[in-house]
Protein backbone atom coordinates (compact mmCIF):
# COMPACT_ATOMS: atom_id res chain seq x y z
CA MET A 1 122.69 128.19 123.82
CA ILE A 2 123.41 127.22 120.22
CA ASP A 3 125.97 129.25 118.30
CA GLU A 4 124.20 131.70 115.97
CA ASN A 5 126.02 130.50 112.82
CA ARG A 6 125.18 126.89 113.60
CA TYR A 7 121.56 127.83 114.26
CA LEU A 8 121.32 129.66 110.93
CA GLU A 9 122.79 126.66 109.09
CA GLN A 10 120.26 124.34 110.75
CA GLN A 11 117.42 126.62 109.73
CA LYS A 12 118.70 126.84 106.15
CA VAL A 13 118.82 123.04 105.93
CA THR A 14 115.30 122.86 107.33
CA LEU A 15 114.10 125.41 104.79
CA ASP A 16 115.74 123.44 101.96
CA TYR A 17 113.99 120.27 103.18
CA ILE A 18 110.63 122.04 103.18
CA LYS A 19 111.30 123.38 99.67
CA HIS A 20 112.12 119.87 98.45
CA LEU A 21 108.89 118.47 99.90
CA THR A 22 106.91 121.28 98.26
CA THR A 23 108.61 120.50 94.94
CA LEU A 24 107.74 116.81 95.33
CA CYS A 25 104.09 117.74 95.97
CA THR A 26 103.96 119.91 92.87
CA GLY A 27 105.63 117.23 90.77
CA SER A 28 103.21 114.64 92.08
CA ILE A 29 100.26 116.81 91.05
CA LEU A 30 101.72 116.89 87.53
CA LEU A 31 102.26 113.11 87.66
CA LEU A 32 98.64 112.58 88.60
CA ALA A 33 97.51 114.81 85.75
CA LEU A 34 99.66 112.76 83.35
CA LEU A 35 98.31 109.47 84.70
CA LEU A 36 94.75 110.66 84.28
CA GLU A 37 95.34 111.94 80.77
CA LYS A 38 97.38 109.08 79.33
CA PHE A 39 96.63 105.91 81.28
CA PHE A 40 93.45 106.17 83.31
CA THR A 41 91.01 107.89 80.98
CA SER A 42 88.03 106.38 82.82
CA PRO A 43 89.17 105.72 86.40
CA HIS A 44 87.23 103.21 88.52
CA VAL A 45 87.40 105.07 91.81
CA SER A 46 87.35 108.64 90.59
CA TRP A 47 86.69 110.08 94.06
CA LEU A 48 90.27 109.14 94.99
CA VAL A 49 91.49 111.67 92.43
CA THR A 50 89.82 114.44 94.40
CA VAL A 51 91.32 113.15 97.64
CA VAL A 52 94.81 113.00 96.11
CA PHE A 53 94.60 116.50 94.64
CA GLY A 54 93.22 117.83 97.92
CA CYS A 55 95.97 116.22 99.98
CA PHE A 56 98.74 117.46 97.69
CA LEU A 57 97.33 121.00 97.62
CA THR A 58 96.91 120.95 101.40
CA ALA A 59 100.51 119.78 101.75
CA VAL A 60 101.76 122.60 99.53
CA LEU A 61 99.76 125.12 101.57
CA PHE A 62 100.94 123.92 104.99
CA LEU A 63 104.56 123.42 103.90
CA SER A 64 104.58 126.96 102.47
CA LEU A 65 103.27 128.30 105.75
CA SER A 66 105.92 126.28 107.57
CA ALA A 67 108.60 127.82 105.36
CA PHE A 68 107.38 131.28 106.41
CA GLY A 69 107.86 130.25 110.03
CA VAL A 70 111.42 129.13 109.33
CA LEU A 71 112.11 132.39 107.53
CA LEU A 72 110.85 134.31 110.55
CA SER A 73 113.17 132.35 112.81
CA ILE A 74 116.14 133.05 110.52
CA ARG A 75 115.40 136.76 110.45
CA GLU A 76 115.36 137.09 114.24
CA PRO A 77 117.24 134.09 115.69
CA ASN A 78 117.74 135.50 119.19
CA GLN A 79 114.18 136.75 119.59
CA MET A 80 112.24 133.76 118.29
CA GLN A 81 109.08 133.28 120.27
CA SER A 82 107.62 129.95 121.22
CA SER A 83 104.48 130.81 119.22
CA VAL A 84 106.58 130.89 116.03
CA GLN A 85 108.13 127.54 116.97
CA HIS A 86 104.69 126.00 117.56
CA TYR A 87 103.30 127.54 114.37
CA THR A 88 106.19 126.18 112.32
CA ALA A 89 106.06 122.73 113.90
CA ILE A 90 102.29 122.37 113.55
CA THR A 91 102.19 123.54 109.93
CA PHE A 92 105.12 121.26 109.05
CA ILE A 93 103.48 118.23 110.68
CA LEU A 94 100.17 118.94 108.91
CA GLY A 95 102.00 119.35 105.60
CA ALA A 96 103.97 116.13 106.08
CA VAL A 97 100.85 114.17 107.04
CA SER A 98 99.01 115.56 104.01
CA PHE A 99 101.93 114.62 101.75
CA ILE A 100 102.11 111.06 103.09
CA SER A 101 98.32 110.69 102.85
CA ALA A 102 98.43 111.89 99.26
CA LEU A 103 101.17 109.40 98.37
CA ILE A 104 99.27 106.51 99.95
CA THR A 105 96.04 107.51 98.20
CA LEU A 106 97.86 107.97 94.88
CA GLY A 107 99.37 104.51 95.26
CA ALA A 108 95.98 102.98 96.05
CA PHE A 109 94.40 104.78 93.09
CA SER A 110 97.13 103.57 90.73
CA VAL A 111 96.99 99.96 91.91
CA ILE A 112 93.19 99.79 91.79
CA ASN A 113 93.09 101.22 88.27
CA TRP A 114 95.98 99.08 87.07
CA ILE A 115 94.26 95.90 88.26
CA TYR A 116 90.84 96.71 86.75
């Protein structure tokens, strides 16, 4: 059994990590808006913009839900159920995959529009 203080510290670090990812997603949405306004006024593959926005918004949603799961586990560390663990893990994985997909799509969008 993990010491309760150590467990709480681990959960706080996890929550901080999730908050940082959520901040990166929000900042990336603003970056995309700036790119569209200043540099790519008539993008060549405009459907990628929708995919990028969708992935970033999905990442923010799932990472926020994951943060709620971590907060639940901090509130009741000795009574955490496996359903909360699964919920937190699944929402974090979905958020991370959405974030990585958004970054890859944003990179592809930028390169394609920079070349053409």
